[in-house]
Amino acid sequence: MGIIVMLLVGAIAGWLAGQIIKGYGFGLVGNIVVGIVGAFIAGLILPRIGFGMGGGFLAAIIHATIGAVILLFLLRLVKSA
């Protein structure tokens, strides 16, 4: 059950990040990967700057979306350079 929830959170977060950073949609599988990698990035960065959230499904989506937006922003910088 945990894998399904992780994939669902990744897909939603990747899709939301693609909507926030216009022009970056990677399809379903790509969005899941972006969301999962974004959650990992957010898990490393956000606690270090003092931004913590409670648990739960919605908090996980927000957390992963923030990380995915950071990831897409970095990808856009690298791609344009």
C-alpha atoms as a PDB file:
ATOM      1  CA  MET A   1       0.000   0.000   0.000  1.00  0.00           C
ATOM      2  CA  GLY A   2       2.889   2.373   0.727  1.00  0.00           C
ATOM      3  CA  ILE A   3       4.246   2.101  -2.820  1.00  0.00           C
ATOM      4  CA  ILE A   4       0.857   3.000  -4.302  1.00  0.00           C
ATOM      5  CA  VAL A   5       0.560   6.048  -2.053  1.00  0.00           C
ATOM      6  CA  MET A   6       4.112   7.123  -2.938  1.00  0.00           C
ATOM      7  CA  LEU A   7       3.340   6.814  -6.665  1.00  0.00           C
ATOM      8  CA  LEU A   8       0.088   8.725  -6.243  1.00  0.00           C
ATOM      9  CA  VAL A   9       1.781  11.535  -4.289  1.00  0.00           C
ATOM     10  CA  GLY A  10       4.569  11.635  -6.880  1.00  0.00           C
ATOM     11  CA  ALA A  11       2.125  11.834  -9.776  1.00  0.00           C
ATOM     12  CA  ILE A  12       0.071  14.605  -8.178  1.00  0.00           C
ATOM     13  CA  ALA A  13       3.152  16.582  -7.103  1.00  0.00           C
ATOM     14  CA  GLY A  14       4.780  16.228 -10.523  1.00  0.00           C
ATOM     15  CA  TRP A  15       1.616  17.339 -12.273  1.00  0.00           C
ATOM     16  CA  LEU A  16       1.197  20.335  -9.938  1.00  0.00           C
ATOM     17  CA  ALA A  17       4.830  21.336 -10.401  1.00  0.00           C
ATOM     18  CA  GLY A  18       4.374  21.103 -14.171  1.00  0.00           C
ATOM     19  CA  GLN A  19       1.394  23.453 -13.887  1.00  0.00           C
ATOM     20  CA  ILE A  20       3.328  25.921 -11.724  1.00  0.00           C
ATOM     21  CA  ILE A  21       6.429  25.877 -13.943  1.00  0.00           C
ATOM     22  CA  LYS A  22       4.730  26.312 -17.306  1.00  0.00           C
ATOM     23  CA  GLY A  23       5.918  24.277 -20.250  1.00  0.00           C
ATOM     24  CA  TYR A  24       7.258  21.291 -18.328  1.00  0.00           C
ATOM     25  CA  GLY A  25       5.023  18.270 -18.595  1.00  0.00           C
ATOM     26  CA  PHE A  26       6.716  14.893 -18.768  1.00  0.00           C
ATOM     27  CA  GLY A  27       3.718  12.598 -19.062  1.00  0.00           C
ATOM     28  CA  LEU A  28       2.462  10.313 -16.315  1.00  0.00           C
ATOM     29  CA  VAL A  29       5.663   8.372 -15.693  1.00  0.00           C
ATOM     30  CA  GLY A  30       7.815  11.506 -15.938  1.00  0.00           C
ATOM     31  CA  ASN A  31       5.555  13.365 -13.522  1.00  0.00           C
ATOM     32  CA  ILE A  32       5.780  10.508 -11.030  1.00  0.00           C
ATOM     33  CA  VAL A  33       9.581  10.550 -11.259  1.00  0.00           C
ATOM     34  CA  VAL A  34       9.709  14.346 -10.927  1.00  0.00           C
ATOM     35  CA  GLY A  35       7.371  14.191  -7.917  1.00  0.00           C
ATOM     36  CA  ILE A  36       9.350  11.455  -6.159  1.00  0.00           C
ATOM     37  CA  VAL A  37      12.698  13.136  -6.808  1.00  0.00           C
ATOM     38  CA  GLY A  38      11.122  16.428  -5.734  1.00  0.00           C
ATOM     39  CA  ALA A  39       9.970  14.865  -2.476  1.00  0.00           C
ATOM     40  CA  PHE A  40      13.507  13.638  -1.870  1.00  0.00           C
ATOM     41  CA  ILE A  41      14.936  17.108  -2.584  1.00  0.00           C
ATOM     42  CA  ALA A  42      12.365  18.745  -0.329  1.00  0.00           C
ATOM     43  CA  GLY A  43      13.139  16.212   2.391  1.00  0.00           C
ATOM     44  CA  LEU A  44      16.774  17.290   2.294  1.00  0.00           C
ATOM     45  CA  ILE A  45      16.340  21.047   1.934  1.00  0.00           C
ATOM     46  CA  LEU A  46      13.185  22.105   3.781  1.00  0.00           C
ATOM     47  CA  PRO A  47      14.029  20.800   7.279  1.00  0.00           C
ATOM     48  CA  ARG A  48      17.438  22.505   7.100  1.00  0.00           C
ATOM     49  CA  ILE A  49      15.834  25.906   6.532  1.00  0.00           C
ATOM     50  CA  GLY A  50      13.293  25.343   9.282  1.00  0.00           C
ATOM     51  CA  PHE A  51      10.236  24.650   7.150  1.00  0.00           C
ATOM     52  CA  GLY A  52       8.438  21.677   8.638  1.00  0.00           C
ATOM     53  CA  MET A  53       4.975  20.308   8.046  1.00  0.00           C
ATOM     54  CA  GLY A  54       2.845  17.834   9.830  1.00  0.00           C
ATOM     55  CA  GLY A  55       2.153  14.392   8.492  1.00  0.00           C
ATOM     56  CA  GLY A  56      -0.627  13.321   6.237  1.00  0.00           C
ATOM     57  CA  PHE A  57      -1.426  12.937   2.590  1.00  0.00           C
ATOM     58  CA  LEU A  58      -1.965  16.631   1.833  1.00  0.00           C
ATOM     59  CA  ALA A  59       1.248  17.647   3.596  1.00  0.00           C
ATOM     60  CA  ALA A  60       3.147  15.022   1.590  1.00  0.00           C
ATOM     61  CA  ILE A  61       1.746  16.410  -1.657  1.00  0.00           C
ATOM     62  CA  ILE A  62       2.662  19.985  -0.718  1.00  0.00           C
ATOM     63  CA  HIS A  63       6.127  18.898   0.404  1.00  0.00           C
ATOM     64  CA  ALA A  64       6.768  16.936  -2.795  1.00  0.00           C
ATOM     65  CA  THR A  65       5.369  19.731  -4.970  1.00  0.00           C
ATOM     66  CA  ILE A  66       7.761  22.272  -3.460  1.00  0.00           C
ATOM     67  CA  GLY A  67      10.667  19.942  -4.163  1.00  0.00           C
ATOM     68  CA  ALA A  68       9.439  19.207  -7.684  1.00  0.00           C
ATOM     69  CA  VAL A  69       9.140  22.925  -8.440  1.00  0.00           C
ATOM     70  CA  ILE A  70      12.731  23.381  -7.272  1.00  0.00           C
ATOM     71  CA  LEU A  71      13.789  20.464  -9.481  1.00  0.00           C
ATOM     72  CA  LEU A  72      11.976  21.809 -12.562  1.00  0.00           C
ATOM     73  CA  PHE A  73      13.421  25.269 -11.977  1.00  0.00           C
ATOM     74  CA  LEU A  74      16.931  23.798 -11.844  1.00  0.00           C
ATOM     75  CA  LEU A  75      16.257  21.735 -14.973  1.00  0.00           C
ATOM     76  CA  ARG A  76      15.090  24.873 -16.773  1.00  0.00           C
ATOM     77  CA  LEU A  77      18.283  26.704 -15.743  1.00  0.00           C
ATOM     78  CA  VAL A  78      20.493  23.866 -16.942  1.00  0.00           C
ATOM     79  CA  LYS A  79      18.584  23.466 -20.198  1.00  0.00           C
ATOM     80  CA  SER A  80      18.718  27.167 -21.053  1.00  0.00           C
ATOM     81  CA  ALA A  81      22.453  27.457 -20.300  1.00  0.00           C
END
